[in-house]
Amino acid sequence: MTPRTPPPDSDLAERRELLDAAGVARTLRRMALEIAERVPQEGAPLYLVGVRTGGAFLAQRLCTLLAEAGEAKPLLGAVDISLYRDDVFRGLPKPEIGPTDLPEPIDGRTVVLVDDVLFTGRTVRAAMDVLADYGRPRAVKLAALVDRGRRELPIQPDIVGVTVETTARESVRVMLAERGEADRVVLRERRA
């Protein structure tokens, strides 16, 4: 899997660190425990599905943490939303299309959709459209490492690591070891 190149950050300045490496690890452990407590498995293994790319890395980590906590190891998949975005043909750079990888059918299963940052809700809507093309899950729950508010669609996370209210000039960047960076979450602000 080739990580996507993030957009140029030259007009963004780091404002503050929300989570350091220890904070990311601690937050993911808590999220894994919440998933184990709040998402019923009902006879079938849980299915963690990450939104490429950051959510896929986090889903993989949550899968490992759940197994280490003594839970049944969840199924693991990933979805690519590039062609499902509602802004894909609106002058944005050509999307890098990655594979959707759902090794087991999702029909009748509880799916926990995992994303790194929840913002407008449009990414989650696109991810649910991808899932609908692959089957009909019994339920879809949403886990997000960071909820930054400012929703444009009526989508809320079931499990959230950190909530931070942002302004229109701010953004959240999740840096992960899987991308060759130290684990960190930072709040950035557009330069004037």
Protein backbone atom coordinates (compact mmCIF):
# COMPACT_ATOMS: atom_id res chain seq x y z
CA MET A 1 0.00 0.00 0.00
CA THR A 2 1.47 3.34 -1.05
CA PRO A 3 0.67 6.22 1.30
CA ARG A 4 -0.87 9.27 -0.31
CA THR A 5 1.20 12.40 -0.50
CA PRO A 6 -0.34 15.00 1.79
CA PRO A 7 -1.21 18.37 0.27
CA PRO A 8 1.38 21.12 0.63
CA ASP A 9 1.45 22.45 4.18
CA SER A 10 3.35 25.66 3.49
CA ASP A 11 0.37 27.83 4.37
CA LEU A 12 -0.30 25.98 7.65
CA ALA A 13 1.50 26.57 10.93
CA GLU A 14 1.43 24.16 13.85
CA ARG A 15 -0.53 25.76 16.67
CA ARG A 16 -0.39 23.07 19.35
CA GLU A 17 0.11 19.38 19.91
CA LEU A 18 -3.07 17.51 20.81
CA LEU A 19 -1.44 14.10 21.33
CA ASP A 20 2.17 12.96 21.50
CA ALA A 21 3.23 9.36 20.81
CA ALA A 22 2.28 8.21 24.33
CA GLY A 23 -1.05 10.03 24.03
CA VAL A 24 -1.83 8.35 20.70
CA ALA A 25 -1.04 4.92 22.19
CA ARG A 26 -3.10 5.59 25.33
CA THR A 27 -6.05 6.94 23.31
CA LEU A 28 -6.07 3.93 20.99
CA ARG A 29 -5.99 1.53 23.98
CA ARG A 30 -9.00 3.32 25.48
CA MET A 31 -10.83 3.24 22.14
CA ALA A 32 -10.17 -0.50 21.80
CA LEU A 33 -11.64 -1.09 25.26
CA GLU A 34 -14.68 1.03 24.38
CA ILE A 35 -15.19 -0.97 21.20
CA ALA A 36 -15.01 -4.22 23.20
CA GLU A 37 -17.53 -2.90 25.75
CA ARG A 38 -19.97 -1.05 23.51
CA VAL A 39 -20.09 -2.93 20.21
CA PRO A 40 -21.80 -6.31 20.48
CA GLN A 41 -20.29 -9.17 18.49
CA GLU A 42 -23.45 -11.30 18.54
CA GLY A 43 -21.85 -14.58 17.49
CA ALA A 44 -19.81 -13.24 14.57
CA PRO A 45 -16.40 -11.61 14.77
CA LEU A 46 -16.33 -7.85 14.77
CA TYR A 47 -15.25 -6.31 11.47
CA LEU A 48 -12.94 -3.29 11.68
CA VAL A 49 -12.82 -1.37 8.41
CA GLY A 50 -10.42 1.56 8.10
CA VAL A 51 -10.80 4.47 5.72
CA ARG A 52 -7.61 4.69 3.65
CA THR A 53 -5.04 5.69 4.56
CA GLY A 54 -4.94 6.95 8.16
CA GLY A 55 -8.06 5.08 9.24
CA ALA A 56 -6.70 1.83 7.79
CA PHE A 57 -3.54 2.13 9.88
CA LEU A 58 -5.59 2.88 13.00
CA ALA A 59 -7.96 -0.04 12.34
CA GLN A 60 -4.95 -2.33 12.14
CA ARG A 61 -3.67 -1.04 15.48
CA LEU A 62 -7.11 -1.36 17.11
CA CYS A 63 -7.37 -4.94 15.83
CA THR A 64 -4.06 -5.77 17.51
CA LEU A 65 -5.06 -4.01 20.75
CA LEU A 66 -8.37 -5.89 20.91
CA ALA A 67 -6.59 -9.23 20.45
CA GLU A 68 -4.01 -8.28 23.13
CA ALA A 69 -6.88 -7.44 25.51
CA GLY A 70 -8.19 -11.00 25.17
CA GLU A 71 -11.02 -10.23 22.78
CA ALA A 72 -11.70 -12.37 19.73
CA LYS A 73 -9.49 -11.04 16.95
CA PRO A 74 -11.64 -8.89 14.67
CA LEU A 75 -11.74 -9.19 10.91
CA LEU A 76 -9.83 -6.37 9.26
CA GLY A 77 -10.56 -4.49 6.06
CA ALA A 78 -10.05 -1.13 4.41
CA VAL A 79 -12.05 1.05 2.04
CA ASP A 80 -10.86 3.62 -0.45
CA ILE A 81 -13.31 6.47 -0.95
CA SER A 82 -11.52 8.33 -3.76
CA LEU A 83 -14.21 7.77 -6.38
CA TYR A 84 -17.07 8.09 -3.88
CA ARG A 85 -16.25 11.64 -2.76
CA ASP A 86 -18.87 14.22 -3.69
CA ASP A 87 -16.10 16.65 -4.64
CA VAL A 88 -13.99 14.28 -6.77
CA PHE A 89 -14.72 16.18 -10.00
CA ARG A 90 -14.58 19.72 -8.60
CA GLY A 91 -11.11 20.83 -9.58
CA LEU A 92 -9.24 18.92 -6.87
CA PRO A 93 -5.97 17.21 -7.73
CA LYS A 94 -6.41 13.85 -9.42
CA PRO A 95 -7.22 11.40 -6.63
CA GLU A 96 -4.83 8.57 -5.89
CA ILE A 97 -6.97 5.48 -5.95
CA GLY A 98 -6.13 2.68 -3.58
CA PRO A 99 -7.75 -0.70 -3.19
CA THR A 100 -10.80 -1.47 -1.15
CA ASP A 101 -9.91 -4.64 0.72
CA LEU A 102 -12.76 -6.49 2.39
CA PRO A 103 -11.48 -10.08 2.64
CA GLU A 104 -14.71 -11.36 4.22
CA PRO A 105 -18.30 -10.49 3.30
CA ILE A 106 -19.82 -7.68 5.38
CA ASP A 107 -23.41 -8.94 5.05
CA GLY A 108 -25.07 -9.31 8.44
CA ARG A 109 -21.96 -8.27 10.39
CA THR A 110 -21.34 -5.37 12.71
CA VAL A 111 -18.78 -3.12 11.04
CA VAL A 112 -16.75 -0.56 12.96
CA LEU A 113 -15.69 2.07 10.45
CA VAL A 114 -12.41 3.67 11.61
CA ASP A 115 -11.12 7.08 10.51
CA ASP A 116 -8.36 9.32 11.77
CA VAL A 117 -10.17 12.69 11.73
CA LEU A 118 -13.93 13.31 11.63
CA PHE A 119 -14.70 16.74 10.21
CA THR A 120 -17.61 17.51 7.85
CA GLY A 121 -18.89 13.92 7.74
CA ARG A 122 -18.47 13.67 3.96
CA THR A 123 -15.64 11.12 4.15
CA VAL A 124 -17.75 8.88 6.39
CA ARG A 125 -20.74 9.22 4.06
CA ALA A 126 -18.52 8.18 1.14
CA ALA A 127 -17.15 5.23 3.15
CA MET A 128 -20.69 4.06 3.91
CA ASP A 129 -21.47 4.26 0.17
CA VAL A 130 -18.48 1.99 -0.49
CA LEU A 131 -19.73 -0.47 2.15
CA ALA A 132 -23.20 -0.45 0.57
CA ASP A 133 -21.65 -1.54 -2.72
CA TYR A 134 -20.13 -4.57 -0.97
CA GLY A 135 -23.15 -5.73 1.00
CA ARG A 136 -25.54 -4.97 3.82
CA PRO A 137 -23.97 -4.94 7.27
CA ARG A 138 -26.19 -5.53 10.28
CA ALA A 139 -24.89 -2.29 11.81
CA VAL A 140 -22.17 0.28 11.14
CA LYS A 141 -20.50 2.02 14.07
CA LEU A 142 -18.02 4.87 13.71
CA ALA A 143 -14.73 5.23 15.59
CA ALA A 144 -12.62 8.36 15.04
CA LEU A 145 -9.31 9.21 16.64
CA VAL A 146 -10.11 12.95 16.47
CA ASP A 147 -13.50 14.65 16.19
CA ARG A 148 -12.88 18.25 15.15
CA GLY A 149 -16.51 19.31 14.85
CA ARG A 150 -17.90 21.57 12.13
CA ARG A 151 -20.14 18.86 10.66
CA GLU A 152 -21.95 19.42 7.35
CA LEU A 153 -23.82 16.10 7.49
CA PRO A 154 -25.69 14.52 10.42
CA ILE A 155 -22.94 12.01 11.26
CA GLN A 156 -21.61 11.42 14.78
CA PRO A 157 -18.95 9.03 16.07
CA ASP A 158 -19.89 6.18 18.41
CA ILE A 159 -16.34 6.04 19.77
CA VAL A 160 -14.00 9.02 19.74
CA GLY A 161 -10.46 9.43 20.99
CA VAL A 162 -10.19 13.22 21.28
CA THR A 163 -12.69 15.99 20.66
CA VAL A 164 -11.44 19.43 19.71
CA GLU A 165 -13.51 22.34 18.42
CA THR A 166 -11.82 23.97 15.45
CA THR A 167 -12.33 27.16 13.50
CA ALA A 168 -12.56 27.43 9.72
CA ARG A 169 -8.86 28.43 9.65
CA GLU A 170 -7.71 25.37 11.61
CA SER A 171 -7.06 21.77 10.65
CA VAL A 172 -5.94 18.62 12.43
CA ARG A 173 -3.05 16.51 11.19
CA VAL A 174 -2.53 12.93 12.37
CA MET A 175 1.04 11.70 11.92
CA LEU A 176 1.66 7.97 12.19
CA ALA A 177 4.69 5.70 12.26
CA GLU A 178 3.21 3.74 9.34
CA ARG A 179 3.78 6.86 7.23
CA GLY A 180 7.36 7.24 8.42
CA GLU A 181 6.58 9.92 11.00
CA ALA A 182 6.54 9.95 14.79
CA ASP A 183 3.04 9.35 16.19
CA ARG A 184 1.54 12.77 16.89
CA VAL A 185 -1.67 14.71 16.44
CA VAL A 186 -1.36 18.46 15.93
CA LEU A 187 -3.73 21.37 15.51
CA ARG A 188 -2.65 23.65 12.69
CA GLU A 189 -3.80 27.09 11.61
CA ARG A 190 -3.77 28.74 8.21
CA ARG A 191 -1.30 31.62 8.06
CA ALA A 192 -2.85 35.04 7.56
